[in-house]
Structures are given as C-alpha cells and as structure tokens.
Amino acid sequence: MEIIHQTIAALSQSVKAETLIAHGDHRLRAVIVSHANNHQCSARLEIWSPESLTWNFMAEIPFAVMETPHQLIYTDDGEEPHHFQADIERLYEKALFLLPPVETSKDAVTLEGAYVRKGGGHCPKCKKGNLSSEDHPEVVGTEVFHQVMCQDCGAHWEDKYVLAGISSPMGFDAKAPVSSDQ
C-alpha cells in the first residue's frame, strides 16, 4: 500500500482522517471519521474517476466493527495516525478484491511479462505469430506446461497455465457451499 497523502483534522464533534492511496494507475481515498456519537462514526473507501472527476464509493466498514476508536475528539492524541491505520489497511484489503492486480516491475519490463500480458500467441523474442506446439501438454499438479517453438527465429519455451476455476460444470453446482471437512 502506497500512501501518497494523509490529512487528519479535529472538527467540532469528530476527528476525520483522509488518506490518499496509489494502487497502480488508480487513486483511492479512505475517509475515516471518529465521532462523538458512536453511530456517526464511519470508514469508507472511494475511488477516483478521471472521466467524471468524482470520488465513487467502493467499500465501507460498519461503525460497530471499526478498529478506529470512537470519540477520539475527547482524547489528547486523537489526531495521531496510528488510531486510523488498522481500518485504512482493512479498506485497502477490500480494494484488492475489487481492483486488478498492479503490474510488478517484472511484468512491466520483461519479455515474459509482455508475453503474458498480451495473452501469448506470439514469440516473446521476435514478436511473430508463426508458432508450433506439441500436441499433449504436461500436467503437473495444478499447473499445465505446453512446449512452444517459434518457426521464424527458433526460440522455444513452455507456456505455463495455472488452474483458476471450473468452467461449464455438468451434473453438479460448482458454486454450492461445502462443509468444512471437504
């Protein structure tokens, strides 16, 4: 989590923390309010929309389960950042479920990263699509390896596939809940 700006201010009946977070190209804003009235405490996460120039709701934490102490306005250290940190982290974790993963530097600058990002189908070395592969991929646990060779430059590699889910189930409901012993 990359915090790019944080403002904490005591208002008439509350302490409000606004934290701006960078997540790749996205900008998030966590707004946490510790109010004198417990029912007016809040923890919200918003995402910036450059198209509409507005902050849009993403997630929240109900006041009853917030970790930020209520009634911080009555304490001497109510404006200290540590009071808000746990809820900021929890809101950011919720964002991770909703947003695509941020490209790592490996993904952004390597031949492998560019190849995977574009979904394969071309040679990572010469960028041409004249590829051949063996007929039978090798299955190892939850991974599948498929030998590929470029007919233009002679480069060869293995495409790696990882089990990500079930598609088109027949005779059972793949989304049915399971008991804890299964």
C-alpha atoms as a PDB file:
ATOM      1  CA  MET A   1       0.000   0.000   0.000  1.00  0.00           C
ATOM      2  CA  GLU A   2       1.446   3.325  -1.095  1.00  0.00           C
ATOM      3  CA  ILE A   3       0.052   6.246   0.922  1.00  0.00           C
ATOM      4  CA  ILE A   4       0.568   9.428  -1.078  1.00  0.00           C
ATOM      5  CA  HIS A   5      -1.114  11.929   1.260  1.00  0.00           C
ATOM      6  CA  GLN A   6      -2.845  11.963   4.629  1.00  0.00           C
ATOM      7  CA  THR A   7      -4.788  14.689   6.415  1.00  0.00           C
ATOM      8  CA  ILE A   8      -6.136  14.324   9.948  1.00  0.00           C
ATOM      9  CA  ALA A   9      -8.258  17.123  11.381  1.00  0.00           C
ATOM     10  CA  ALA A  10     -10.254  17.718  14.555  1.00  0.00           C
ATOM     11  CA  LEU A  11     -13.695  19.098  13.753  1.00  0.00           C
ATOM     12  CA  SER A  12     -16.363  20.316  16.184  1.00  0.00           C
ATOM     13  CA  GLN A  13     -17.545  16.818  17.240  1.00  0.00           C
ATOM     14  CA  SER A  14     -15.228  14.448  15.397  1.00  0.00           C
ATOM     15  CA  VAL A  15     -11.762  13.652  14.133  1.00  0.00           C
ATOM     16  CA  LYS A  16     -11.565  12.954  10.397  1.00  0.00           C
ATOM     17  CA  ALA A  17      -8.719  11.203   8.580  1.00  0.00           C
ATOM     18  CA  GLU A  18      -8.483  11.343   4.781  1.00  0.00           C
ATOM     19  CA  THR A  19      -5.825   9.111   3.261  1.00  0.00           C
ATOM     20  CA  LEU A  20      -4.972   9.036  -0.451  1.00  0.00           C
ATOM     21  CA  ILE A  21      -3.584   5.711  -1.661  1.00  0.00           C
ATOM     22  CA  ALA A  22      -1.969   4.843  -5.003  1.00  0.00           C
ATOM     23  CA  HIS A  23      -2.808   1.430  -6.474  1.00  0.00           C
ATOM     24  CA  GLY A  24      -1.184   1.286  -9.886  1.00  0.00           C
ATOM     25  CA  ASP A  25      -2.996   3.868 -12.024  1.00  0.00           C
ATOM     26  CA  HIS A  26      -5.884   4.058  -9.543  1.00  0.00           C
ATOM     27  CA  ARG A  27      -6.245   6.611  -6.746  1.00  0.00           C
ATOM     28  CA  LEU A  28      -8.157   5.581  -3.625  1.00  0.00           C
ATOM     29  CA  ARG A  29      -9.361   7.703  -0.728  1.00  0.00           C
ATOM     30  CA  ALA A  30     -10.013   6.243   2.716  1.00  0.00           C
ATOM     31  CA  VAL A  31     -12.228   8.553   4.797  1.00  0.00           C
ATOM     32  CA  ILE A  32     -12.476   7.601   8.459  1.00  0.00           C
ATOM     33  CA  VAL A  33     -14.487   9.601  10.977  1.00  0.00           C
ATOM     34  CA  SER A  34     -14.307   9.090  14.751  1.00  0.00           C
ATOM     35  CA  HIS A  35     -17.361  10.958  16.005  1.00  0.00           C
ATOM     36  CA  ALA A  36     -18.536  11.894  19.493  1.00  0.00           C
ATOM     37  CA  ASN A  37     -21.740   9.984  18.699  1.00  0.00           C
ATOM     38  CA  ASN A  38     -20.707   6.376  18.053  1.00  0.00           C
ATOM     39  CA  HIS A  39     -23.443   5.843  15.439  1.00  0.00           C
ATOM     40  CA  GLN A  40     -21.961   8.629  13.295  1.00  0.00           C
ATOM     41  CA  CYS A  41     -18.512   7.018  13.056  1.00  0.00           C
ATOM     42  CA  SER A  42     -17.666   5.801   9.576  1.00  0.00           C
ATOM     43  CA  ALA A  43     -14.958   4.222   7.453  1.00  0.00           C
ATOM     44  CA  ARG A  44     -15.389   4.478   3.669  1.00  0.00           C
ATOM     45  CA  LEU A  45     -13.213   3.772   0.669  1.00  0.00           C
ATOM     46  CA  GLU A  46     -13.680   5.700  -2.561  1.00  0.00           C
ATOM     47  CA  ILE A  47     -12.028   5.504  -5.983  1.00  0.00           C
ATOM     48  CA  TRP A  48     -11.244   8.497  -8.184  1.00  0.00           C
ATOM     49  CA  SER A  49     -12.886   8.553 -11.605  1.00  0.00           C
ATOM     50  CA  PRO A  50     -10.834  10.680 -14.011  1.00  0.00           C
ATOM     51  CA  GLU A  51     -13.702  10.518 -16.542  1.00  0.00           C
ATOM     52  CA  SER A  52     -16.328  12.099 -14.265  1.00  0.00           C
ATOM     53  CA  LEU A  53     -13.838  13.878 -11.948  1.00  0.00           C
ATOM     54  CA  THR A  54     -15.579  12.441  -8.874  1.00  0.00           C
ATOM     55  CA  TRP A  55     -14.864  10.106  -5.984  1.00  0.00           C
ATOM     56  CA  ASN A  56     -17.047   6.981  -6.182  1.00  0.00           C
ATOM     57  CA  PHE A  57     -17.965   4.640  -3.328  1.00  0.00           C
ATOM     58  CA  MET A  58     -16.063   1.335  -3.213  1.00  0.00           C
ATOM     59  CA  ALA A  59     -16.332  -0.202   0.258  1.00  0.00           C
ATOM     60  CA  GLU A  60     -17.062   0.524   3.889  1.00  0.00           C
ATOM     61  CA  ILE A  61     -16.607  -0.861   7.378  1.00  0.00           C
ATOM     62  CA  PRO A  62     -19.706  -0.693   9.612  1.00  0.00           C
ATOM     63  CA  PHE A  63     -19.167   1.559  12.640  1.00  0.00           C
ATOM     64  CA  ALA A  64     -19.758  -1.315  15.078  1.00  0.00           C
ATOM     65  CA  VAL A  65     -16.707  -3.244  13.790  1.00  0.00           C
ATOM     66  CA  MET A  66     -14.349  -0.334  13.150  1.00  0.00           C
ATOM     67  CA  GLU A  67     -10.994  -0.606  14.879  1.00  0.00           C
ATOM     68  CA  THR A  68     -10.555   3.168  14.970  1.00  0.00           C
ATOM     69  CA  PRO A  69     -11.577   4.249  18.484  1.00  0.00           C
ATOM     70  CA  HIS A  70     -14.849   6.151  18.710  1.00  0.00           C
ATOM     71  CA  GLN A  71     -14.914   9.593  20.387  1.00  0.00           C
ATOM     72  CA  LEU A  72     -11.289  10.490  19.577  1.00  0.00           C
ATOM     73  CA  ILE A  73     -12.322  14.136  19.848  1.00  0.00           C
ATOM     74  CA  TYR A  74     -12.161  13.725  23.633  1.00  0.00           C
ATOM     75  CA  THR A  75      -8.582  12.412  23.728  1.00  0.00           C
ATOM     76  CA  ASP A  76      -5.292  14.307  23.779  1.00  0.00           C
ATOM     77  CA  ASP A  77      -3.788  12.286  20.907  1.00  0.00           C
ATOM     78  CA  GLY A  78      -6.929  11.927  18.734  1.00  0.00           C
ATOM     79  CA  GLU A  79      -5.160  13.263  15.649  1.00  0.00           C
ATOM     80  CA  GLU A  80      -2.380  10.648  15.684  1.00  0.00           C
ATOM     81  CA  PRO A  81      -2.264   8.495  12.505  1.00  0.00           C
ATOM     82  CA  HIS A  82      -1.894   5.189  14.374  1.00  0.00           C
ATOM     83  CA  HIS A  83      -5.551   5.407  15.506  1.00  0.00           C
ATOM     84  CA  PHE A  84      -6.724   5.058  11.895  1.00  0.00           C
ATOM     85  CA  GLN A  85      -4.128   2.667  10.433  1.00  0.00           C
ATOM     86  CA  ALA A  86      -5.923  -0.661  11.013  1.00  0.00           C
ATOM     87  CA  ASP A  87      -9.110   0.499   9.284  1.00  0.00           C
ATOM     88  CA  ILE A  88      -7.129   2.025   6.401  1.00  0.00           C
ATOM     89  CA  GLU A  89      -5.438  -1.351   5.892  1.00  0.00           C
ATOM     90  CA  ARG A  90      -8.763  -3.208   6.088  1.00  0.00           C
ATOM     91  CA  LEU A  91     -10.325  -0.881   3.495  1.00  0.00           C
ATOM     92  CA  TYR A  92      -7.319  -1.343   1.220  1.00  0.00           C
ATOM     93  CA  GLU A  93      -7.648  -5.137   1.523  1.00  0.00           C
ATOM     94  CA  LYS A  94     -11.249  -4.784   0.318  1.00  0.00           C
ATOM     95  CA  ALA A  95      -9.982  -2.762  -2.665  1.00  0.00           C
ATOM     96  CA  LEU A  96      -7.586  -5.568  -3.586  1.00  0.00           C
ATOM     97  CA  PHE A  97     -10.588  -7.855  -4.170  1.00  0.00           C
ATOM     98  CA  LEU A  98     -12.228  -5.305  -6.477  1.00  0.00           C
ATOM     99  CA  LEU A  99      -9.273  -3.983  -8.489  1.00  0.00           C
ATOM    100  CA  PRO A 100      -6.976  -5.770 -10.924  1.00  0.00           C
ATOM    101  CA  PRO A 101      -3.530  -6.594  -9.569  1.00  0.00           C
ATOM    102  CA  VAL A 102      -0.875  -3.943 -10.003  1.00  0.00           C
ATOM    103  CA  GLU A 103       1.774  -4.932 -12.520  1.00  0.00           C
ATOM    104  CA  THR A 104       5.063  -5.644 -10.860  1.00  0.00           C
ATOM    105  CA  SER A 105       8.262  -4.323 -12.344  1.00  0.00           C
ATOM    106  CA  LYS A 106       8.908  -7.872 -13.664  1.00  0.00           C
ATOM    107  CA  ASP A 107       5.612  -7.802 -15.569  1.00  0.00           C
ATOM    108  CA  ALA A 108       6.227  -4.334 -16.943  1.00  0.00           C
ATOM    109  CA  VAL A 109       9.785  -4.697 -18.280  1.00  0.00           C
ATOM    110  CA  THR A 110      10.493  -8.337 -19.185  1.00  0.00           C
ATOM    111  CA  LEU A 111       9.778 -10.307 -22.338  1.00  0.00           C
ATOM    112  CA  GLU A 112       7.861 -12.807 -20.190  1.00  0.00           C
ATOM    113  CA  GLY A 113       5.718 -10.053 -18.665  1.00  0.00           C
ATOM    114  CA  ALA A 114       4.839  -8.576 -22.071  1.00  0.00           C
ATOM    115  CA  TYR A 115       4.087 -12.057 -23.465  1.00  0.00           C
ATOM    116  CA  VAL A 116       1.749 -12.940 -20.584  1.00  0.00           C
ATOM    117  CA  ARG A 117       0.066  -9.509 -20.581  1.00  0.00           C
ATOM    118  CA  LYS A 118      -0.795  -9.911 -24.291  1.00  0.00           C
ATOM    119  CA  GLY A 119      -2.109 -13.455 -23.734  1.00  0.00           C
ATOM    120  CA  GLY A 120       0.613 -15.305 -25.652  1.00  0.00           C
ATOM    121  CA  GLY A 121       0.104 -16.176 -29.309  1.00  0.00           C
ATOM    122  CA  HIS A 122       3.330 -14.557 -30.451  1.00  0.00           C
ATOM    123  CA  CYS A 123       7.047 -15.154 -29.984  1.00  0.00           C
ATOM    124  CA  PRO A 124       8.416 -13.232 -26.991  1.00  0.00           C
ATOM    125  CA  LYS A 125      11.726 -12.835 -28.877  1.00  0.00           C
ATOM    126  CA  CYS A 126      10.796 -11.822 -32.457  1.00  0.00           C
ATOM    127  CA  LYS A 127       7.100 -10.933 -31.821  1.00  0.00           C
ATOM    128  CA  LYS A 128       5.859 -13.006 -34.784  1.00  0.00           C
ATOM    129  CA  GLY A 129       2.930 -15.404 -34.550  1.00  0.00           C
ATOM    130  CA  ASN A 130       4.304 -18.349 -36.538  1.00  0.00           C
ATOM    131  CA  LEU A 131       4.320 -20.787 -33.591  1.00  0.00           C
ATOM    132  CA  SER A 132       4.123 -24.545 -33.249  1.00  0.00           C
ATOM    133  CA  SER A 133       3.488 -26.616 -30.141  1.00  0.00           C
ATOM    134  CA  GLU A 134       3.382 -30.234 -29.094  1.00  0.00           C
ATOM    135  CA  ASP A 135       0.002 -31.912 -29.122  1.00  0.00           C
ATOM    136  CA  HIS A 136      -0.092 -33.030 -25.487  1.00  0.00           C
ATOM    137  CA  PRO A 137       0.604 -30.565 -22.684  1.00  0.00           C
ATOM    138  CA  GLU A 138       2.156 -31.878 -19.455  1.00  0.00           C
ATOM    139  CA  VAL A 139       0.043 -31.632 -16.290  1.00  0.00           C
ATOM    140  CA  VAL A 140       1.956 -31.199 -13.013  1.00  0.00           C
ATOM    141  CA  GLY A 141      -0.333 -30.751 -10.006  1.00  0.00           C
ATOM    142  CA  THR A 142      -2.469 -27.656 -10.654  1.00  0.00           C
ATOM    143  CA  GLU A 143      -0.190 -26.418 -13.457  1.00  0.00           C
ATOM    144  CA  VAL A 144      -0.068 -27.292 -17.157  1.00  0.00           C
ATOM    145  CA  PHE A 145       3.064 -26.851 -19.289  1.00  0.00           C
ATOM    146  CA  HIS A 146       2.895 -26.661 -23.072  1.00  0.00           C
ATOM    147  CA  GLN A 147       6.032 -26.688 -25.265  1.00  0.00           C
ATOM    148  CA  VAL A 148       6.029 -23.869 -27.862  1.00  0.00           C
ATOM    149  CA  MET A 149       8.508 -23.091 -30.675  1.00  0.00           C
ATOM    150  CA  CYS A 150       8.778 -20.084 -32.977  1.00  0.00           C
ATOM    151  CA  GLN A 151       9.079 -21.222 -36.603  1.00  0.00           C
ATOM    152  CA  ASP A 152      10.652 -17.881 -37.595  1.00  0.00           C
ATOM    153  CA  CYS A 153      13.511 -17.385 -35.118  1.00  0.00           C
ATOM    154  CA  GLY A 154      13.823 -20.836 -33.488  1.00  0.00           C
ATOM    155  CA  ALA A 155      13.170 -19.667 -29.926  1.00  0.00           C
ATOM    156  CA  HIS A 156      11.386 -22.211 -27.735  1.00  0.00           C
ATOM    157  CA  TRP A 157       9.755 -22.090 -24.294  1.00  0.00           C
ATOM    158  CA  GLU A 158       6.977 -23.595 -22.198  1.00  0.00           C
ATOM    159  CA  ASP A 159       3.670 -21.806 -21.724  1.00  0.00           C
ATOM    160  CA  LYS A 160       2.554 -22.303 -18.125  1.00  0.00           C
ATOM    161  CA  TYR A 161      -1.137 -22.438 -17.204  1.00  0.00           C
ATOM    162  CA  VAL A 162      -2.468 -22.476 -13.641  1.00  0.00           C
ATOM    163  CA  LEU A 163      -5.829 -23.876 -12.502  1.00  0.00           C
ATOM    164  CA  ALA A 164      -8.067 -20.881 -11.809  1.00  0.00           C
ATOM    165  CA  GLY A 165     -11.560 -22.337 -11.567  1.00  0.00           C
ATOM    166  CA  ILE A 166     -14.233 -24.603 -13.063  1.00  0.00           C
ATOM    167  CA  SER A 167     -15.952 -23.847 -16.356  1.00  0.00           C
ATOM    168  CA  SER A 168     -19.232 -25.355 -17.621  1.00  0.00           C
ATOM    169  CA  PRO A 169     -19.888 -27.879 -14.806  1.00  0.00           C
ATOM    170  CA  MET A 170     -22.371 -30.634 -15.632  1.00  0.00           C
ATOM    171  CA  GLY A 171     -24.168 -32.773 -13.080  1.00  0.00           C
ATOM    172  CA  PHE A 172     -23.212 -30.581 -10.090  1.00  0.00           C
ATOM    173  CA  ASP A 173     -23.333 -26.987  -8.872  1.00  0.00           C
ATOM    174  CA  ALA A 174     -19.750 -25.696  -8.774  1.00  0.00           C
ATOM    175  CA  LYS A 175     -20.867 -22.731  -6.630  1.00  0.00           C
ATOM    176  CA  ALA A 176     -22.568 -24.879  -3.966  1.00  0.00           C
ATOM    177  CA  PRO A 177     -21.160 -24.391  -0.440  1.00  0.00           C
ATOM    178  CA  VAL A 178     -19.073 -27.184   1.053  1.00  0.00           C
ATOM    179  CA  SER A 179     -18.738 -28.334   4.614  1.00  0.00           C
ATOM    180  CA  SER A 180     -15.531 -27.588   6.476  1.00  0.00           C
ATOM    181  CA  ASP A 181     -14.333 -31.223   6.236  1.00  0.00           C
ATOM    182  CA  GLN A 182     -14.312 -31.275   2.380  1.00  0.00           C
END
